[in-house]
C-alpha atoms as a PDB file:
ATOM      1  CA  MET A   1     -24.627  -7.508  -1.361  1.00  0.00           C
ATOM      2  CA  LYS A   2     -22.993 -10.158   1.484  1.00  0.00           C
ATOM      3  CA  ASP A   3     -25.612 -13.436  -0.274  1.00  0.00           C
ATOM      4  CA  SER A   4     -23.639 -13.131  -3.764  1.00  0.00           C
ATOM      5  CA  LEU A   5     -21.732 -16.256  -3.552  1.00  0.00           C
ATOM      6  CA  ILE A   6     -19.588 -15.410  -7.062  1.00  0.00           C
ATOM      7  CA  LEU A   7     -18.717 -11.893  -5.235  1.00  0.00           C
ATOM      8  CA  GLY A   8     -16.843 -13.458  -2.188  1.00  0.00           C
ATOM      9  CA  VAL A   9     -15.115 -15.853  -3.721  1.00  0.00           C
ATOM     10  CA  SER A  10     -14.027 -13.026  -6.508  1.00  0.00           C
ATOM     11  CA  ALA A  11     -13.542 -10.364  -3.759  1.00  0.00           C
ATOM     12  CA  ARG A  12     -11.126 -13.110  -1.417  1.00  0.00           C
ATOM     13  CA  TYR A  13      -9.139 -14.360  -4.767  1.00  0.00           C
ATOM     14  CA  LEU A  14      -8.372 -10.436  -5.281  1.00  0.00           C
ATOM     15  CA  LEU A  15      -7.862  -9.496  -2.089  1.00  0.00           C
ATOM     16  CA  ALA A  16      -5.079 -11.871  -2.125  1.00  0.00           C
ATOM     17  CA  PHE A  17      -3.829 -10.781  -5.116  1.00  0.00           C
ATOM     18  CA  ALA A  18      -4.191  -6.847  -4.861  1.00  0.00           C
ATOM     19  CA  ILE A  19      -2.318  -7.212  -0.939  1.00  0.00           C
ATOM     20  CA  PRO A  20       0.818  -8.993  -3.174  1.00  0.00           C
ATOM     21  CA  LEU A  21       0.469  -6.281  -5.708  1.00  0.00           C
ATOM     22  CA  SER A  22       0.213  -3.041  -3.266  1.00  0.00           C
ATOM     23  CA  VAL A  23       3.663  -4.005  -1.094  1.00  0.00           C
ATOM     24  CA  PHE A  24       5.888  -5.135  -4.697  1.00  0.00           C
ATOM     25  CA  VAL A  25       4.579  -1.663  -6.146  1.00  0.00           C
ATOM     26  CA  LEU A  26       5.598  -0.297  -2.581  1.00  0.00           C
ATOM     27  CA  LEU A  27       8.918  -1.568  -2.459  1.00  0.00           C
ATOM     28  CA  ARG A  28       9.232  -1.309  -6.085  1.00  0.00           C
ATOM     29  CA  GLY A  29       8.613   2.324  -6.200  1.00  0.00           C
ATOM     30  CA  HIS A  30      10.853   3.644  -2.948  1.00  0.00           C
ATOM     31  CA  ASN A  31      13.173   4.641  -5.715  1.00  0.00           C
ATOM     32  CA  GLU A  32      10.596   6.486  -8.272  1.00  0.00           C
ATOM     33  CA  PRO A  33       8.194   8.798  -6.364  1.00  0.00           C
ATOM     34  CA  GLY A  34       5.066   7.179  -5.680  1.00  0.00           C
ATOM     35  CA  GLY A  35       5.488   4.144  -4.578  1.00  0.00           C
ATOM     36  CA  GLY A  36       4.335   4.329  -1.132  1.00  0.00           C
ATOM     37  CA  PHE A  37       0.542   6.334  -2.714  1.00  0.00           C
ATOM     38  CA  ILE A  38      -0.588   4.145  -5.574  1.00  0.00           C
ATOM     39  CA  GLY A  39       0.399   0.726  -3.701  1.00  0.00           C
ATOM     40  CA  GLY A  40      -1.705   2.257  -0.202  1.00  0.00           C
ATOM     41  CA  LEU A  41      -4.373   2.621  -3.398  1.00  0.00           C
ATOM     42  CA  ILE A  42      -4.091  -0.744  -4.503  1.00  0.00           C
ATOM     43  CA  GLY A  43      -4.253  -2.424  -0.849  1.00  0.00           C
ATOM     44  CA  ALA A  44      -7.367  -0.238  -0.289  1.00  0.00           C
ATOM     45  CA  ILE A  45      -9.404  -0.879  -3.271  1.00  0.00           C
ATOM     46  CA  GLY A  46      -8.610  -4.799  -2.183  1.00  0.00           C
ATOM     47  CA  LEU A  47      -9.632  -4.297   0.803  1.00  0.00           C
ATOM     48  CA  GLY A  48     -12.542  -2.189  -0.175  1.00  0.00           C
ATOM     49  CA  PHE A  49     -13.844  -4.333  -2.075  1.00  0.00           C
ATOM     50  CA  HIS A  50     -13.497  -7.561   0.643  1.00  0.00           C
ATOM     51  CA  ALA A  51     -15.802  -4.976   2.853  1.00  0.00           C
ATOM     52  CA  ILE A  52     -18.109  -4.650  -0.042  1.00  0.00           C
ATOM     53  CA  ALA A  53     -17.895  -7.718  -1.080  1.00  0.00           C
ATOM     54  CA  LEU A  54     -18.161 -10.053   3.011  1.00  0.00           C
ATOM     55  CA  GLY A  55     -19.373  -6.368   4.938  1.00  0.00           C
ATOM     56  CA  SER A  56     -17.188  -4.779   7.094  1.00  0.00           C
ATOM     57  CA  ALA A  57     -16.601  -6.374  10.155  1.00  0.00           C
ATOM     58  CA  ALA A  58     -14.651  -8.806   8.318  1.00  0.00           C
ATOM     59  CA  THR A  59     -12.632  -6.188   6.878  1.00  0.00           C
ATOM     60  CA  ARG A  60     -12.701  -5.480  10.437  1.00  0.00           C
ATOM     61  CA  ARG A  61     -11.472  -8.955  11.375  1.00  0.00           C
ATOM     62  CA  LEU A  62      -9.242  -9.346   8.380  1.00  0.00           C
ATOM     63  CA  ILE A  63      -6.880  -6.077   9.750  1.00  0.00           C
ATOM     64  CA  ARG A  64      -7.851  -6.602  13.290  1.00  0.00           C
ATOM     65  CA  LEU A  65      -6.763  -2.863  14.221  1.00  0.00           C
ATOM     66  CA  ASP A  66      -8.865   0.853  13.533  1.00  0.00           C
ATOM     67  CA  PRO A  67      -8.100   2.178   9.919  1.00  0.00           C
ATOM     68  CA  ILE A  68      -7.699   5.318  11.960  1.00  0.00           C
ATOM     69  CA  ALA A  69      -4.764   3.522  13.917  1.00  0.00           C
ATOM     70  CA  ILE A  70      -3.587   2.245  10.960  1.00  0.00           C
ATOM     71  CA  GLY A  71      -3.559   6.089   9.612  1.00  0.00           C
ATOM     72  CA  GLY A  72      -2.016   7.306  12.686  1.00  0.00           C
ATOM     73  CA  ILE A  73       1.019   4.690  12.423  1.00  0.00           C
ATOM     74  CA  GLY A  74       1.444   5.950   9.091  1.00  0.00           C
ATOM     75  CA  LEU A  75       1.318   9.568   9.891  1.00  0.00           C
ATOM     76  CA  LEU A  76       4.195   9.125  12.766  1.00  0.00           C
ATOM     77  CA  LEU A  77       6.494   6.649  10.121  1.00  0.00           C
ATOM     78  CA  GLY A  78       6.331   9.358   7.749  1.00  0.00           C
ATOM     79  CA  ILE A  79       7.340  12.503  10.352  1.00  0.00           C
ATOM     80  CA  ALA A  80       9.183  10.444  11.613  1.00  0.00           C
ATOM     81  CA  ALA A  81      11.385   9.634   8.160  1.00  0.00           C
ATOM     82  CA  GLY A  82      12.918  12.966   8.402  1.00  0.00           C
ATOM     83  CA  LEU A  83      13.930  13.796  11.959  1.00  0.00           C
ATOM     84  CA  PRO A  84      17.159  12.380  11.013  1.00  0.00           C
ATOM     85  CA  ALA A  85      18.129  13.786   9.011  1.00  0.00           C
ATOM     86  CA  LEU A  86      17.143  17.349  10.596  1.00  0.00           C
ATOM     87  CA  LEU A  87      18.521  16.342  14.078  1.00  0.00           C
ATOM     88  CA  VAL A  88      20.864  14.749  13.412  1.00  0.00           C
ATOM     89  CA  HIS A  89      23.167  15.968  10.320  1.00  0.00           C
ATOM     90  CA  GLY A  90      20.906  19.420  10.212  1.00  0.00           C
ATOM     91  CA  GLU A  91      20.244  19.058   6.831  1.00  0.00           C
ATOM     92  CA  PRO A  92      16.251  19.693   5.752  1.00  0.00           C
ATOM     93  CA  PHE A  93      13.681  17.821   7.348  1.00  0.00           C
ATOM     94  CA  LEU A  94      13.431  14.966   4.925  1.00  0.00           C
ATOM     95  CA  THR A  95      16.385  15.089   3.338  1.00  0.00           C
ATOM     96  CA  GLN A  96      17.138  11.731   2.361  1.00  0.00           C
ATOM     97  CA  GLN A  97      18.687   9.478   5.017  1.00  0.00           C
ATOM     98  CA  TRP A  98      20.603   6.240   4.720  1.00  0.00           C
ATOM     99  CA  ILE A  99      21.365   3.106   6.975  1.00  0.00           C
ATOM    100  CA  GLY A 100      24.230   2.564   7.016  1.00  0.00           C
ATOM    101  CA  ALA A 101      26.107  -0.080   4.815  1.00  0.00           C
ATOM    102  CA  LEU A 102      22.206  -0.919   3.994  1.00  0.00           C
ATOM    103  CA  PRO A 103      20.292   0.306   1.066  1.00  0.00           C
ATOM    104  CA  ILE A 104      17.515   1.287   3.467  1.00  0.00           C
ATOM    105  CA  GLY A 105      16.553   5.145   3.725  1.00  0.00           C
ATOM    106  CA  THR A 106      14.724   7.332   4.995  1.00  0.00           C
ATOM    107  CA  ALA A 107      12.503   7.031   2.121  1.00  0.00           C
ATOM    108  CA  LEU A 108      11.126   3.794   2.311  1.00  0.00           C
ATOM    109  CA  VAL A 109       9.839   4.537   5.838  1.00  0.00           C
ATOM    110  CA  PHE A 110       8.388   7.509   4.450  1.00  0.00           C
ATOM    111  CA  ASP A 111       6.785   5.542   1.509  1.00  0.00           C
ATOM    112  CA  ILE A 112       5.658   3.204   4.637  1.00  0.00           C
ATOM    113  CA  GLY A 113       4.735   5.959   6.050  1.00  0.00           C
ATOM    114  CA  VAL A 114       2.399   6.722   3.183  1.00  0.00           C
ATOM    115  CA  TYR A 115       1.322   3.171   2.154  1.00  0.00           C
ATOM    116  CA  LEU A 116      -0.606   3.448   6.173  1.00  0.00           C
ATOM    117  CA  VAL A 117      -1.664   6.077   5.953  1.00  0.00           C
ATOM    118  CA  VAL A 118      -3.821   5.898   2.418  1.00  0.00           C
ATOM    119  CA  VAL A 119      -5.170   2.199   3.838  1.00  0.00           C
ATOM    120  CA  GLY A 120      -6.149   3.584   7.121  1.00  0.00           C
ATOM    121  CA  PHE A 121      -8.008   6.528   5.202  1.00  0.00           C
ATOM    122  CA  ALA A 122      -9.537   4.447   2.836  1.00  0.00           C
ATOM    123  CA  LEU A 123     -10.815   2.192   5.319  1.00  0.00           C
ATOM    124  CA  GLY A 124     -11.292   4.657   8.176  1.00  0.00           C
ATOM    125  CA  PHE A 125     -13.815   6.462   5.559  1.00  0.00           C
ATOM    126  CA  LEU A 126     -15.544   3.246   3.754  1.00  0.00           C
ATOM    127  CA  LEU A 127     -16.160   0.364   6.758  1.00  0.00           C
ATOM    128  CA  PRO A 128     -18.232   3.084   8.520  1.00  0.00           C
ATOM    129  CA  VAL A 129     -20.545   3.689   5.507  1.00  0.00           C
ATOM    130  CA  LEU A 130     -20.773  -0.422   5.357  1.00  0.00           C
ATOM    131  CA  GLU A 131     -21.699  -0.834   8.339  1.00  0.00           C
ATOM    132  CA  ASP A 132     -24.798  -3.105   9.296  1.00  0.00           C
END
């Protein structure tokens, strides 16, 4: 499919639309359930379409990291989001904690971790299937 001009151009436009939309959904949904997961799915769909249209090598050059490493970083962020409540305050794991007076809490860190896990593992599954 890499020979289709229309598919290649549309993949670039779709990716340019999907990544900002996925980040918007991630940040907008951080106070509501599902922001990281659905944002990660939108980003993975954009990158997956890019891989289908332009090849997995082009997508690997675009993301620069191994997809499994991206998923692993996200998993570590998700675990790290629960530790302040457990270790510092003695509350249950993943209890929301706020960082000073800023409107940023551990729920946002957890959602970013979920986002990276979804994108990383979706691409980790898809890119080897599309290898040339």
